[in-house]
């Protein structure tokens, strides 16, 4: 897969910073290629995934930590390999999770991820100093089954007390629910045509969400969608930072394009247009520790800019009215962005 093919949908949709949460070492090479100027692309921050035993994903995609010492060593390895952060995953025991968070603090790495041990009744114990960011609103939804809206005030309290932020990824569950309701909708989606053929083939022919799109499963997913919206509204009201993201490797979620869907979902869940824009620019740079270099339009900072033909404060869907992208000293007008997307779609066909 050509690196530019991977990054083009992000650039064409105005994305100048990716917070990539998987754990494959070639990402470090991608980051170096972009930052050195050899490849034109968005800034990448990479987190090494660490899961318990047995892991949900195969080794290679994740690191496995069956014991606290395994967890500490996995953190030290990730630091040595050049990763920026750690992504804690669902099967970690509380003891191993605690060791990972502690070791990450020693290594000056931040921790983002899932809330492990779903339905175990120990959610609050994971909110300890150093667990800085929950990767999806659905992590709170799946702490109980069915999701418990009555528990949202407690989730807000533990997150605010611990200083833990949230990436909402509302569009993740919305797109899954949408395709389960109407499996034929996948083939009609123009944004998915920009996926690599292998990935597009998985979406169409090996999509695990379409293997049994029963009414019961669809209703279950809808309950998560409804819970997520309530959770985000409560976080916003409590002034807990909510960041934008989409979990785009999920079948049916297209990188770059999906972020604009997320903007709309967040405004429907209580965020103002300005808050959505800050959640995509300034706040991620603050969390990543890069705010002195990027994230706001100021003299002396990188000119990573998305130029629009319409005001997103008046209508958040105006973020799609991209006139040009400026990144890495390169000015990419709309015509160039459209050409890149067309070439990518043509190669994929």
C-alpha atoms as a PDB file:
ATOM      1  CA  UNK A   1       0.000   0.000   0.000  1.00  0.00           C
ATOM      2  CA  UNK A   2       1.450   3.391  -1.002  1.00  0.00           C
ATOM      3  CA  UNK A   3       1.765   5.727   1.989  1.00  0.00           C
ATOM      4  CA  UNK A   4       0.279   8.644   0.055  1.00  0.00           C
ATOM      5  CA  UNK A   5      -2.806   6.509  -0.651  1.00  0.00           C
ATOM      6  CA  UNK A   6      -3.310   6.119   3.090  1.00  0.00           C
ATOM      7  CA  UNK A   7      -2.874   9.818   3.857  1.00  0.00           C
ATOM      8  CA  UNK A   8      -4.710  11.426   0.908  1.00  0.00           C
ATOM      9  CA  UNK A   9      -8.246  11.128   2.393  1.00  0.00           C
ATOM     10  CA  UNK A  10      -7.059  12.920   5.519  1.00  0.00           C
ATOM     11  CA  UNK A  11      -5.457  15.796   3.628  1.00  0.00           C
ATOM     12  CA  UNK A  12      -8.340  16.152   1.200  1.00  0.00           C
ATOM     13  CA  UNK A  13     -10.739  16.451   4.111  1.00  0.00           C
ATOM     14  CA  UNK A  14      -8.697  19.032   5.937  1.00  0.00           C
ATOM     15  CA  UNK A  15      -7.180  16.763   8.563  1.00  0.00           C
ATOM     16  CA  UNK A  16      -3.727  17.995   9.569  1.00  0.00           C
ATOM     17  CA  UNK A  17      -3.245  15.897  12.699  1.00  0.00           C
ATOM     18  CA  UNK A  18      -4.064  12.230  13.268  1.00  0.00           C
ATOM     19  CA  UNK A  19      -4.091  10.593  16.680  1.00  0.00           C
ATOM     20  CA  UNK A  20      -3.508   7.043  15.473  1.00  0.00           C
ATOM     21  CA  UNK A  21      -4.280   4.461  18.143  1.00  0.00           C
ATOM     22  CA  UNK A  22      -3.067   1.154  16.730  1.00  0.00           C
ATOM     23  CA  UNK A  23       0.297  -0.359  17.503  1.00  0.00           C
ATOM     24  CA  UNK A  24       2.103  -1.330  14.304  1.00  0.00           C
ATOM     25  CA  UNK A  25       5.728  -0.239  14.088  1.00  0.00           C
ATOM     26  CA  UNK A  26       5.559   0.991  10.492  1.00  0.00           C
ATOM     27  CA  UNK A  27       3.623   3.947  11.869  1.00  0.00           C
ATOM     28  CA  UNK A  28       6.864   5.257  13.295  1.00  0.00           C
ATOM     29  CA  UNK A  29       8.297   5.183   9.789  1.00  0.00           C
ATOM     30  CA  UNK A  30       5.239   6.990   8.458  1.00  0.00           C
ATOM     31  CA  UNK A  31       5.631   9.687  11.097  1.00  0.00           C
ATOM     32  CA  UNK A  32       9.319  10.132  10.286  1.00  0.00           C
ATOM     33  CA  UNK A  33       8.585  10.292   6.552  1.00  0.00           C
ATOM     34  CA  UNK A  34       6.000  13.051   7.084  1.00  0.00           C
ATOM     35  CA  UNK A  35       7.967  15.094   9.620  1.00  0.00           C
ATOM     36  CA  UNK A  36      11.141  14.934   7.503  1.00  0.00           C
ATOM     37  CA  UNK A  37       9.267  16.242   4.473  1.00  0.00           C
ATOM     38  CA  UNK A  38       9.819  13.131   2.347  1.00  0.00           C
ATOM     39  CA  UNK A  39       6.069  12.504   2.216  1.00  0.00           C
ATOM     40  CA  UNK A  40       3.288  15.067   2.365  1.00  0.00           C
ATOM     41  CA  UNK A  41       0.840  14.096   5.077  1.00  0.00           C
ATOM     42  CA  UNK A  42      -0.737  14.933   8.422  1.00  0.00           C
ATOM     43  CA  UNK A  43       1.156  14.926  11.692  1.00  0.00           C
ATOM     44  CA  UNK A  44       0.884  11.516  13.321  1.00  0.00           C
ATOM     45  CA  UNK A  45       0.981  10.642  17.007  1.00  0.00           C
ATOM     46  CA  UNK A  46       1.204   6.896  17.612  1.00  0.00           C
ATOM     47  CA  UNK A  47       0.220   4.815  20.628  1.00  0.00           C
ATOM     48  CA  UNK A  48       1.344   1.239  21.246  1.00  0.00           C
ATOM     49  CA  UNK A  49      -1.588  -1.011  22.123  1.00  0.00           C
ATOM     50  CA  UNK A  50      -1.228  -3.297  25.147  1.00  0.00           C
ATOM     51  CA  UNK A  51      -3.905  -5.891  25.922  1.00  0.00           C
ATOM     52  CA  UNK A  52      -4.299  -8.717  28.413  1.00  0.00           C
ATOM     53  CA  UNK A  53      -4.160 -12.443  27.750  1.00  0.00           C
ATOM     54  CA  UNK A  54      -5.740 -13.667  25.581  1.00  0.00           C
ATOM     55  CA  UNK A  55      -5.864 -10.406  23.581  1.00  0.00           C
ATOM     56  CA  UNK A  56      -8.806  -9.289  21.470  1.00  0.00           C
ATOM     57  CA  UNK A  57      -6.472  -8.640  18.512  1.00  0.00           C
ATOM     58  CA  UNK A  58      -3.599 -10.901  17.409  1.00  0.00           C
ATOM     59  CA  UNK A  59      -0.039 -10.208  18.581  1.00  0.00           C
ATOM     60  CA  UNK A  60       1.582  -7.890  16.073  1.00  0.00           C
ATOM     61  CA  UNK A  61      -1.437  -5.633  16.143  1.00  0.00           C
ATOM     62  CA  UNK A  62      -1.221  -5.539  19.937  1.00  0.00           C
ATOM     63  CA  UNK A  63       1.265  -6.345  22.667  1.00  0.00           C
ATOM     64  CA  UNK A  64       0.206  -8.884  25.278  1.00  0.00           C
ATOM     65  CA  UNK A  65       0.707  -8.313  28.998  1.00  0.00           C
ATOM     66  CA  UNK A  66      -0.431 -11.191  31.181  1.00  0.00           C
ATOM     67  CA  UNK A  67       1.258  -9.840  34.305  1.00  0.00           C
ATOM     68  CA  UNK A  68       2.138  -6.426  35.762  1.00  0.00           C
ATOM     69  CA  UNK A  69       5.804  -6.937  34.874  1.00  0.00           C
ATOM     70  CA  UNK A  70       4.795  -7.836  31.291  1.00  0.00           C
ATOM     71  CA  UNK A  71       2.940  -4.535  31.202  1.00  0.00           C
ATOM     72  CA  UNK A  72       5.893  -2.533  32.465  1.00  0.00           C
ATOM     73  CA  UNK A  73       8.217  -4.138  29.925  1.00  0.00           C
ATOM     74  CA  UNK A  74       5.760  -3.486  27.102  1.00  0.00           C
ATOM     75  CA  UNK A  75       5.723   0.199  28.040  1.00  0.00           C
ATOM     76  CA  UNK A  76       9.524   0.346  28.139  1.00  0.00           C
ATOM     77  CA  UNK A  77       9.698  -1.380  24.733  1.00  0.00           C
ATOM     78  CA  UNK A  78       7.195   1.067  23.230  1.00  0.00           C
ATOM     79  CA  UNK A  79       9.171   4.010  24.561  1.00  0.00           C
ATOM     80  CA  UNK A  80      12.397   2.640  23.057  1.00  0.00           C
ATOM     81  CA  UNK A  81      10.687   2.124  19.696  1.00  0.00           C
ATOM     82  CA  UNK A  82       9.592   5.760  19.533  1.00  0.00           C
ATOM     83  CA  UNK A  83       5.899   5.619  20.361  1.00  0.00           C
ATOM     84  CA  UNK A  84       4.286   8.704  21.822  1.00  0.00           C
ATOM     85  CA  UNK A  85       1.684   7.099  24.060  1.00  0.00           C
ATOM     86  CA  UNK A  86       0.226   3.836  25.309  1.00  0.00           C
ATOM     87  CA  UNK A  87      -3.204   2.501  24.382  1.00  0.00           C
ATOM     88  CA  UNK A  88      -4.605   0.312  27.148  1.00  0.00           C
ATOM     89  CA  UNK A  89      -7.030  -2.318  25.898  1.00  0.00           C
ATOM     90  CA  UNK A  90     -10.020  -4.268  27.140  1.00  0.00           C
ATOM     91  CA  UNK A  91      -8.599  -7.535  28.523  1.00  0.00           C
ATOM     92  CA  UNK A  92      -6.047  -6.035  30.917  1.00  0.00           C
ATOM     93  CA  UNK A  93      -6.448  -6.948  34.570  1.00  0.00           C
ATOM     94  CA  UNK A  94      -6.640  -4.091  37.055  1.00  0.00           C
ATOM     95  CA  UNK A  95      -3.215  -4.987  38.447  1.00  0.00           C
ATOM     96  CA  UNK A  96      -1.553  -5.009  35.027  1.00  0.00           C
ATOM     97  CA  UNK A  97      -3.368  -1.834  33.961  1.00  0.00           C
ATOM     98  CA  UNK A  98      -2.119  -0.103  37.126  1.00  0.00           C
ATOM     99  CA  UNK A  99       1.453  -1.187  36.400  1.00  0.00           C
ATOM    100  CA  UNK A 100       1.191   0.044  32.800  1.00  0.00           C
ATOM    101  CA  UNK A 101      -0.084   3.455  33.870  1.00  0.00           C
ATOM    102  CA  UNK A 102       2.614   3.762  36.533  1.00  0.00           C
ATOM    103  CA  UNK A 103       5.394   2.769  34.130  1.00  0.00           C
ATOM    104  CA  UNK A 104       4.061   5.116  31.461  1.00  0.00           C
ATOM    105  CA  UNK A 105       4.290   8.008  33.916  1.00  0.00           C
ATOM    106  CA  UNK A 106       7.911   7.067  34.655  1.00  0.00           C
ATOM    107  CA  UNK A 107       8.619   7.007  30.913  1.00  0.00           C
ATOM    108  CA  UNK A 108       6.824  10.349  30.389  1.00  0.00           C
ATOM    109  CA  UNK A 109       4.221   8.721  28.148  1.00  0.00           C
ATOM    110  CA  UNK A 110       0.505   9.384  28.259  1.00  0.00           C
ATOM    111  CA  UNK A 111      -2.117   6.637  28.451  1.00  0.00           C
ATOM    112  CA  UNK A 112      -5.251   6.519  26.332  1.00  0.00           C
ATOM    113  CA  UNK A 113      -7.594   3.657  25.697  1.00  0.00           C
ATOM    114  CA  UNK A 114     -10.424   1.417  26.698  1.00  0.00           C
ATOM    115  CA  UNK A 115     -11.779   0.903  30.190  1.00  0.00           C
ATOM    116  CA  UNK A 116     -10.861  -2.751  30.787  1.00  0.00           C
ATOM    117  CA  UNK A 117     -12.931  -5.474  32.441  1.00  0.00           C
ATOM    118  CA  UNK A 118     -16.365  -4.504  31.121  1.00  0.00           C
ATOM    119  CA  UNK A 119     -19.311  -5.445  33.338  1.00  0.00           C
ATOM    120  CA  UNK A 120     -16.974  -6.328  36.235  1.00  0.00           C
ATOM    121  CA  UNK A 121     -18.295  -3.520  38.426  1.00  0.00           C
ATOM    122  CA  UNK A 122     -14.852  -1.979  39.013  1.00  0.00           C
ATOM    123  CA  UNK A 123     -14.966   0.928  36.534  1.00  0.00           C
ATOM    124  CA  UNK A 124     -13.909   3.574  39.041  1.00  0.00           C
ATOM    125  CA  UNK A 125     -10.734   1.690  39.986  1.00  0.00           C
ATOM    126  CA  UNK A 126      -9.295   2.298  36.517  1.00  0.00           C
ATOM    127  CA  UNK A 127      -9.560   6.067  36.915  1.00  0.00           C
ATOM    128  CA  UNK A 128      -6.160   6.594  38.448  1.00  0.00           C
ATOM    129  CA  UNK A 129      -3.538   9.307  37.871  1.00  0.00           C
ATOM    130  CA  UNK A 130      -1.993   8.829  34.442  1.00  0.00           C
ATOM    131  CA  UNK A 131      -5.068   7.410  32.685  1.00  0.00           C
ATOM    132  CA  UNK A 132      -5.497  10.541  30.622  1.00  0.00           C
ATOM    133  CA  UNK A 133      -8.004   9.840  27.873  1.00  0.00           C
ATOM    134  CA  UNK A 134     -10.845   7.387  27.179  1.00  0.00           C
ATOM    135  CA  UNK A 135     -10.822   6.438  23.508  1.00  0.00           C
ATOM    136  CA  UNK A 136     -14.577   6.056  22.911  1.00  0.00           C
ATOM    137  CA  UNK A 137     -17.827   7.088  24.549  1.00  0.00           C
ATOM    138  CA  UNK A 138     -18.980   3.505  24.064  1.00  0.00           C
ATOM    139  CA  UNK A 139     -16.435   2.399  26.658  1.00  0.00           C
ATOM    140  CA  UNK A 140     -18.708   3.894  29.297  1.00  0.00           C
ATOM    141  CA  UNK A 141     -21.798   2.465  27.603  1.00  0.00           C
ATOM    142  CA  UNK A 142     -20.384  -1.062  27.833  1.00  0.00           C
ATOM    143  CA  UNK A 143     -19.377  -0.933  31.487  1.00  0.00           C
ATOM    144  CA  UNK A 144     -22.849  -2.348  32.109  1.00  0.00           C
ATOM    145  CA  UNK A 145     -25.259  -4.210  29.901  1.00  0.00           C
ATOM    146  CA  UNK A 146     -27.536  -2.778  28.866  1.00  0.00           C
ATOM    147  CA  UNK A 147     -25.993   0.699  28.998  1.00  0.00           C
ATOM    148  CA  UNK A 148     -27.007   2.578  32.145  1.00  0.00           C
ATOM    149  CA  UNK A 149     -27.819   6.269  31.581  1.00  0.00           C
ATOM    150  CA  UNK A 150     -28.387   6.536  35.346  1.00  0.00           C
ATOM    151  CA  UNK A 151     -24.643   5.883  35.825  1.00  0.00           C
ATOM    152  CA  UNK A 152     -23.581   8.853  33.676  1.00  0.00           C
ATOM    153  CA  UNK A 153     -23.277  11.288  36.636  1.00  0.00           C
ATOM    154  CA  UNK A 154     -20.870   8.849  38.315  1.00  0.00           C
ATOM    155  CA  UNK A 155     -18.833   8.507  35.110  1.00  0.00           C
ATOM    156  CA  UNK A 156     -18.670  12.294  34.846  1.00  0.00           C
ATOM    157  CA  UNK A 157     -17.540  12.609  38.459  1.00  0.00           C
ATOM    158  CA  UNK A 158     -14.765  10.012  38.212  1.00  0.00           C
ATOM    159  CA  UNK A 159     -13.496  11.453  34.906  1.00  0.00           C
ATOM    160  CA  UNK A 160     -13.489  15.034  36.152  1.00  0.00           C
ATOM    161  CA  UNK A 161     -11.802  14.097  39.430  1.00  0.00           C
ATOM    162  CA  UNK A 162      -9.069  12.173  37.604  1.00  0.00           C
ATOM    163  CA  UNK A 163      -8.611  14.713  34.795  1.00  0.00           C
ATOM    164  CA  UNK A 164      -9.478  12.111  32.161  1.00  0.00           C
ATOM    165  CA  UNK A 165     -10.589  13.481  28.783  1.00  0.00           C
ATOM    166  CA  UNK A 166     -12.774  11.766  26.185  1.00  0.00           C
ATOM    167  CA  UNK A 167     -12.619  11.055  22.462  1.00  0.00           C
ATOM    168  CA  UNK A 168     -16.298  10.628  21.640  1.00  0.00           C
ATOM    169  CA  UNK A 169     -16.195   8.698  18.303  1.00  0.00           C
ATOM    170  CA  UNK A 170     -19.989   8.985  18.047  1.00  0.00           C
ATOM    171  CA  UNK A 171     -19.918   8.336  14.321  1.00  0.00           C
ATOM    172  CA  UNK A 172     -18.380   4.903  14.977  1.00  0.00           C
ATOM    173  CA  UNK A 173     -21.540   3.377  16.435  1.00  0.00           C
ATOM    174  CA  UNK A 174     -23.822   5.474  14.240  1.00  0.00           C
ATOM    175  CA  UNK A 175     -22.266   4.075  11.056  1.00  0.00           C
ATOM    176  CA  UNK A 176     -22.355   0.515  12.377  1.00  0.00           C
ATOM    177  CA  UNK A 177     -26.027   0.880  13.275  1.00  0.00           C
ATOM    178  CA  UNK A 178     -26.770   2.454   9.901  1.00  0.00           C
ATOM    179  CA  UNK A 179     -25.237  -0.403   7.911  1.00  0.00           C
ATOM    180  CA  UNK A 180     -26.907  -3.047  10.069  1.00  0.00           C
ATOM    181  CA  UNK A 181     -30.285  -1.441   9.403  1.00  0.00           C
ATOM    182  CA  UNK A 182     -29.568  -1.213   5.687  1.00  0.00           C
ATOM    183  CA  UNK A 183     -26.697  -3.479   4.538  1.00  0.00           C
ATOM    184  CA  UNK A 184     -27.160  -2.271   0.960  1.00  0.00           C
ATOM    185  CA  UNK A 185     -26.191   1.257   2.020  1.00  0.00           C
ATOM    186  CA  UNK A 186     -22.512   0.259   2.172  1.00  0.00           C
ATOM    187  CA  UNK A 187     -22.223  -0.178  -1.589  1.00  0.00           C
ATOM    188  CA  UNK A 188     -23.790   3.260  -2.148  1.00  0.00           C
ATOM    189  CA  UNK A 189     -21.259   5.146  -0.005  1.00  0.00           C
ATOM    190  CA  UNK A 190     -18.979   7.275  -2.217  1.00  0.00           C
ATOM    191  CA  UNK A 191     -16.519   7.962   0.609  1.00  0.00           C
ATOM    192  CA  UNK A 192     -15.699   4.252   0.972  1.00  0.00           C
ATOM    193  CA  UNK A 193     -14.507   4.133  -2.650  1.00  0.00           C
ATOM    194  CA  UNK A 194     -11.284   5.763  -1.439  1.00  0.00           C
ATOM    195  CA  UNK A 195     -10.385   2.796   0.743  1.00  0.00           C
ATOM    196  CA  UNK A 196      -7.656   0.425  -0.379  1.00  0.00           C
ATOM    197  CA  UNK A 197      -9.205  -2.486  -2.336  1.00  0.00           C
ATOM    198  CA  UNK A 198      -8.354  -5.006   0.390  1.00  0.00           C
ATOM    199  CA  UNK A 199     -10.008  -2.872   3.052  1.00  0.00           C
ATOM    200  CA  UNK A 200     -12.988  -2.138   0.812  1.00  0.00           C
ATOM    201  CA  UNK A 201     -13.336  -5.861   0.184  1.00  0.00           C
ATOM    202  CA  UNK A 202     -13.550  -6.475   3.918  1.00  0.00           C
ATOM    203  CA  UNK A 203     -16.225  -3.790   4.262  1.00  0.00           C
ATOM    204  CA  UNK A 204     -18.343  -5.305   1.487  1.00  0.00           C
ATOM    205  CA  UNK A 205     -17.705  -9.029   1.799  1.00  0.00           C
ATOM    206  CA  UNK A 206     -16.318  -9.804   5.245  1.00  0.00           C
ATOM    207  CA  UNK A 207     -17.977  -7.184   7.401  1.00  0.00           C
ATOM    208  CA  UNK A 208     -18.562  -8.760  10.812  1.00  0.00           C
ATOM    209  CA  UNK A 209     -21.372  -6.329  11.544  1.00  0.00           C
ATOM    210  CA  UNK A 210     -23.342  -7.655   8.582  1.00  0.00           C
ATOM    211  CA  UNK A 211     -23.016 -11.353   9.366  1.00  0.00           C
ATOM    212  CA  UNK A 212     -26.122 -11.265  11.560  1.00  0.00           C
ATOM    213  CA  UNK A 213     -27.785  -7.832  11.331  1.00  0.00           C
ATOM    214  CA  UNK A 214     -30.742  -8.953  13.417  1.00  0.00           C
ATOM    215  CA  UNK A 215     -33.300  -6.543  14.846  1.00  0.00           C
ATOM    216  CA  UNK A 216     -32.110  -7.438  18.348  1.00  0.00           C
ATOM    217  CA  UNK A 217     -28.461  -6.616  17.624  1.00  0.00           C
ATOM    218  CA  UNK A 218     -29.435  -3.421  15.857  1.00  0.00           C
ATOM    219  CA  UNK A 219     -31.538  -2.367  18.849  1.00  0.00           C
ATOM    220  CA  UNK A 220     -28.604  -3.094  21.150  1.00  0.00           C
ATOM    221  CA  UNK A 221     -26.344  -0.888  19.088  1.00  0.00           C
ATOM    222  CA  UNK A 222     -28.962   1.842  19.034  1.00  0.00           C
ATOM    223  CA  UNK A 223     -28.989   1.793  22.832  1.00  0.00           C
ATOM    224  CA  UNK A 224     -25.238   2.499  22.744  1.00  0.00           C
ATOM    225  CA  UNK A 225     -25.757   5.346  20.270  1.00  0.00           C
ATOM    226  CA  UNK A 226     -28.393   6.891  22.529  1.00  0.00           C
ATOM    227  CA  UNK A 227     -26.214   6.474  25.634  1.00  0.00           C
ATOM    228  CA  UNK A 228     -23.193   8.015  23.911  1.00  0.00           C
ATOM    229  CA  UNK A 229     -25.095  11.180  23.036  1.00  0.00           C
ATOM    230  CA  UNK A 230     -26.256  11.574  26.636  1.00  0.00           C
ATOM    231  CA  UNK A 231     -22.734  10.975  27.949  1.00  0.00           C
ATOM    232  CA  UNK A 232     -21.173  13.601  25.691  1.00  0.00           C
ATOM    233  CA  UNK A 233     -23.839  16.130  26.665  1.00  0.00           C
ATOM    234  CA  UNK A 234     -23.037  15.495  30.337  1.00  0.00           C
ATOM    235  CA  UNK A 235     -19.277  15.751  29.789  1.00  0.00           C
ATOM    236  CA  UNK A 236     -19.691  19.044  27.941  1.00  0.00           C
ATOM    237  CA  UNK A 237     -21.914  20.417  30.707  1.00  0.00           C
ATOM    238  CA  UNK A 238     -19.261  19.409  33.269  1.00  0.00           C
ATOM    239  CA  UNK A 239     -16.565  21.132  31.161  1.00  0.00           C
ATOM    240  CA  UNK A 240     -14.602  17.921  30.660  1.00  0.00           C
ATOM    241  CA  UNK A 241     -12.705  18.207  27.347  1.00  0.00           C
ATOM    242  CA  UNK A 242     -14.207  16.107  24.551  1.00  0.00           C
ATOM    243  CA  UNK A 243     -12.020  15.545  21.473  1.00  0.00           C
ATOM    244  CA  UNK A 244     -13.009  14.587  17.946  1.00  0.00           C
ATOM    245  CA  UNK A 245     -12.144  11.216  16.437  1.00  0.00           C
ATOM    246  CA  UNK A 246     -13.820   8.436  14.479  1.00  0.00           C
ATOM    247  CA  UNK A 247     -12.009   5.074  14.829  1.00  0.00           C
ATOM    248  CA  UNK A 248     -11.834   4.967  11.040  1.00  0.00           C
ATOM    249  CA  UNK A 249     -10.429   1.432  10.628  1.00  0.00           C
ATOM    250  CA  UNK A 250     -13.884   0.143  11.636  1.00  0.00           C
ATOM    251  CA  UNK A 251     -15.813  -1.196   8.609  1.00  0.00           C
ATOM    252  CA  UNK A 252     -18.022   1.537   7.184  1.00  0.00           C
ATOM    253  CA  UNK A 253     -16.052   4.441   8.685  1.00  0.00           C
ATOM    254  CA  UNK A 254     -13.956   6.223   6.039  1.00  0.00           C
ATOM    255  CA  UNK A 255     -10.822   8.105   7.168  1.00  0.00           C
ATOM    256  CA  UNK A 256     -10.971  11.852   6.699  1.00  0.00           C
ATOM    257  CA  UNK A 257     -14.574  11.926   5.514  1.00  0.00           C
ATOM    258  CA  UNK A 258     -15.861  10.497   8.778  1.00  0.00           C
ATOM    259  CA  UNK A 259     -14.513  13.368  10.858  1.00  0.00           C
ATOM    260  CA  UNK A 260     -17.009  15.733   9.244  1.00  0.00           C
ATOM    261  CA  UNK A 261     -19.781  13.293  10.194  1.00  0.00           C
ATOM    262  CA  UNK A 262     -18.453  13.392  13.758  1.00  0.00           C
ATOM    263  CA  UNK A 263     -18.697  17.185  13.814  1.00  0.00           C
ATOM    264  CA  UNK A 264     -22.426  16.997  13.102  1.00  0.00           C
ATOM    265  CA  UNK A 265     -22.988  14.270  15.695  1.00  0.00           C
ATOM    266  CA  UNK A 266     -21.193  16.281  18.368  1.00  0.00           C
ATOM    267  CA  UNK A 267     -23.267  19.386  17.742  1.00  0.00           C
ATOM    268  CA  UNK A 268     -26.395  17.268  18.094  1.00  0.00           C
ATOM    269  CA  UNK A 269     -25.021  16.085  21.443  1.00  0.00           C
ATOM    270  CA  UNK A 270     -24.601  19.493  23.007  1.00  0.00           C
ATOM    271  CA  UNK A 271     -21.330  20.901  21.692  1.00  0.00           C
ATOM    272  CA  UNK A 272     -21.278  24.325  20.080  1.00  0.00           C
ATOM    273  CA  UNK A 273     -19.675  24.740  16.669  1.00  0.00           C
ATOM    274  CA  UNK A 274     -16.769  26.555  18.304  1.00  0.00           C
ATOM    275  CA  UNK A 275     -16.279  23.744  20.811  1.00  0.00           C
ATOM    276  CA  UNK A 276     -16.188  21.213  17.973  1.00  0.00           C
ATOM    277  CA  UNK A 277     -13.527  23.217  16.136  1.00  0.00           C
ATOM    278  CA  UNK A 278     -11.429  23.569  19.294  1.00  0.00           C
ATOM    279  CA  UNK A 279     -11.826  19.843  19.935  1.00  0.00           C
ATOM    280  CA  UNK A 280     -10.190  19.254  16.548  1.00  0.00           C
ATOM    281  CA  UNK A 281      -7.357  21.778  16.727  1.00  0.00           C
ATOM    282  CA  UNK A 282      -6.317  23.415  20.000  1.00  0.00           C
ATOM    283  CA  UNK A 283      -7.338  20.736  22.502  1.00  0.00           C
ATOM    284  CA  UNK A 284      -5.610  17.766  20.787  1.00  0.00           C
ATOM    285  CA  UNK A 285      -2.422  19.833  20.579  1.00  0.00           C
ATOM    286  CA  UNK A 286      -2.707  20.594  24.285  1.00  0.00           C
ATOM    287  CA  UNK A 287      -3.189  16.924  25.148  1.00  0.00           C
ATOM    288  CA  UNK A 288      -0.288  15.846  22.932  1.00  0.00           C
ATOM    289  CA  UNK A 289       1.980  18.564  24.324  1.00  0.00           C
ATOM    290  CA  UNK A 290       2.503  20.175  20.909  1.00  0.00           C
ATOM    291  CA  UNK A 291       0.525  23.377  21.544  1.00  0.00           C
ATOM    292  CA  UNK A 292       3.648  25.563  21.371  1.00  0.00           C
ATOM    293  CA  UNK A 293       4.158  24.385  17.794  1.00  0.00           C
ATOM    294  CA  UNK A 294       0.664  23.901  16.364  1.00  0.00           C
ATOM    295  CA  UNK A 295      -3.047  23.796  17.153  1.00  0.00           C
ATOM    296  CA  UNK A 296      -3.819  27.522  16.902  1.00  0.00           C
ATOM    297  CA  UNK A 297      -3.192  30.226  14.298  1.00  0.00           C
ATOM    298  CA  UNK A 298      -0.395  32.305  15.797  1.00  0.00           C
ATOM    299  CA  UNK A 299       2.863  33.868  14.663  1.00  0.00           C
ATOM    300  CA  UNK A 300       5.714  31.412  14.937  1.00  0.00           C
ATOM    301  CA  UNK A 301       3.565  28.293  14.762  1.00  0.00           C
ATOM    302  CA  UNK A 302       3.313  25.827  11.887  1.00  0.00           C
ATOM    303  CA  UNK A 303       1.053  26.982   9.085  1.00  0.00           C
ATOM    304  CA  UNK A 304      -1.137  23.885   9.197  1.00  0.00           C
ATOM    305  CA  UNK A 305      -4.357  25.419   7.962  1.00  0.00           C
ATOM    306  CA  UNK A 306      -7.661  24.433   6.386  1.00  0.00           C
ATOM    307  CA  UNK A 307      -9.144  27.253   4.320  1.00  0.00           C
ATOM    308  CA  UNK A 308     -12.938  27.189   3.971  1.00  0.00           C
ATOM    309  CA  UNK A 309     -15.356  28.889   1.591  1.00  0.00           C
ATOM    310  CA  UNK A 310     -18.048  29.196   4.288  1.00  0.00           C
ATOM    311  CA  UNK A 311     -18.225  29.915   8.019  1.00  0.00           C
ATOM    312  CA  UNK A 312     -18.241  26.764  10.219  1.00  0.00           C
ATOM    313  CA  UNK A 313     -19.434  28.822  13.196  1.00  0.00           C
ATOM    314  CA  UNK A 314     -22.653  29.497  11.290  1.00  0.00           C
ATOM    315  CA  UNK A 315     -23.077  25.865  10.145  1.00  0.00           C
ATOM    316  CA  UNK A 316     -20.717  23.065  11.141  1.00  0.00           C
ATOM    317  CA  UNK A 317     -21.270  21.295   7.815  1.00  0.00           C
ATOM    318  CA  UNK A 318     -19.346  24.170   6.225  1.00  0.00           C
ATOM    319  CA  UNK A 319     -16.169  22.339   7.275  1.00  0.00           C
ATOM    320  CA  UNK A 320     -16.708  20.336   4.097  1.00  0.00           C
ATOM    321  CA  UNK A 321     -16.456  23.511   1.984  1.00  0.00           C
ATOM    322  CA  UNK A 322     -12.668  23.199   1.811  1.00  0.00           C
ATOM    323  CA  UNK A 323     -11.014  25.686  -0.508  1.00  0.00           C
ATOM    324  CA  UNK A 324      -7.441  24.632   0.231  1.00  0.00           C
ATOM    325  CA  UNK A 325      -5.145  22.935   2.735  1.00  0.00           C
ATOM    326  CA  UNK A 326      -1.772  24.330   3.779  1.00  0.00           C
ATOM    327  CA  UNK A 327       0.579  21.829   5.412  1.00  0.00           C
ATOM    328  CA  UNK A 328       4.313  21.351   5.582  1.00  0.00           C
ATOM    329  CA  UNK A 329       4.917  24.490   3.567  1.00  0.00           C
ATOM    330  CA  UNK A 330       2.713  23.216   0.723  1.00  0.00           C
ATOM    331  CA  UNK A 331      -0.407  24.947  -0.574  1.00  0.00           C
ATOM    332  CA  UNK A 332      -2.976  22.433  -1.886  1.00  0.00           C
ATOM    333  CA  UNK A 333      -5.926  24.122  -3.613  1.00  0.00           C
ATOM    334  CA  UNK A 334      -9.251  22.336  -4.014  1.00  0.00           C
ATOM    335  CA  UNK A 335      -8.394  21.311  -7.557  1.00  0.00           C
ATOM    336  CA  UNK A 336      -5.283  19.469  -6.350  1.00  0.00           C
ATOM    337  CA  UNK A 337      -7.194  17.797  -3.522  1.00  0.00           C
ATOM    338  CA  UNK A 338      -9.915  16.638  -5.911  1.00  0.00           C
ATOM    339  CA  UNK A 339      -7.304  15.334  -8.344  1.00  0.00           C
ATOM    340  CA  UNK A 340      -5.594  13.337  -5.593  1.00  0.00           C
ATOM    341  CA  UNK A 341      -8.892  11.814  -4.493  1.00  0.00           C
ATOM    342  CA  UNK A 342      -9.870  10.965  -8.060  1.00  0.00           C
ATOM    343  CA  UNK A 343      -6.503   9.316  -8.718  1.00  0.00           C
ATOM    344  CA  UNK A 344      -6.818   7.333  -5.504  1.00  0.00           C
ATOM    345  CA  UNK A 345     -10.332   6.141  -6.328  1.00  0.00           C
ATOM    346  CA  UNK A 346      -9.198   5.213  -9.842  1.00  0.00           C
ATOM    347  CA  UNK A 347      -6.241   3.177  -8.558  1.00  0.00           C
ATOM    348  CA  UNK A 348      -8.487   1.414  -6.077  1.00  0.00           C
ATOM    349  CA  UNK A 349     -10.949   0.413  -8.771  1.00  0.00           C
END
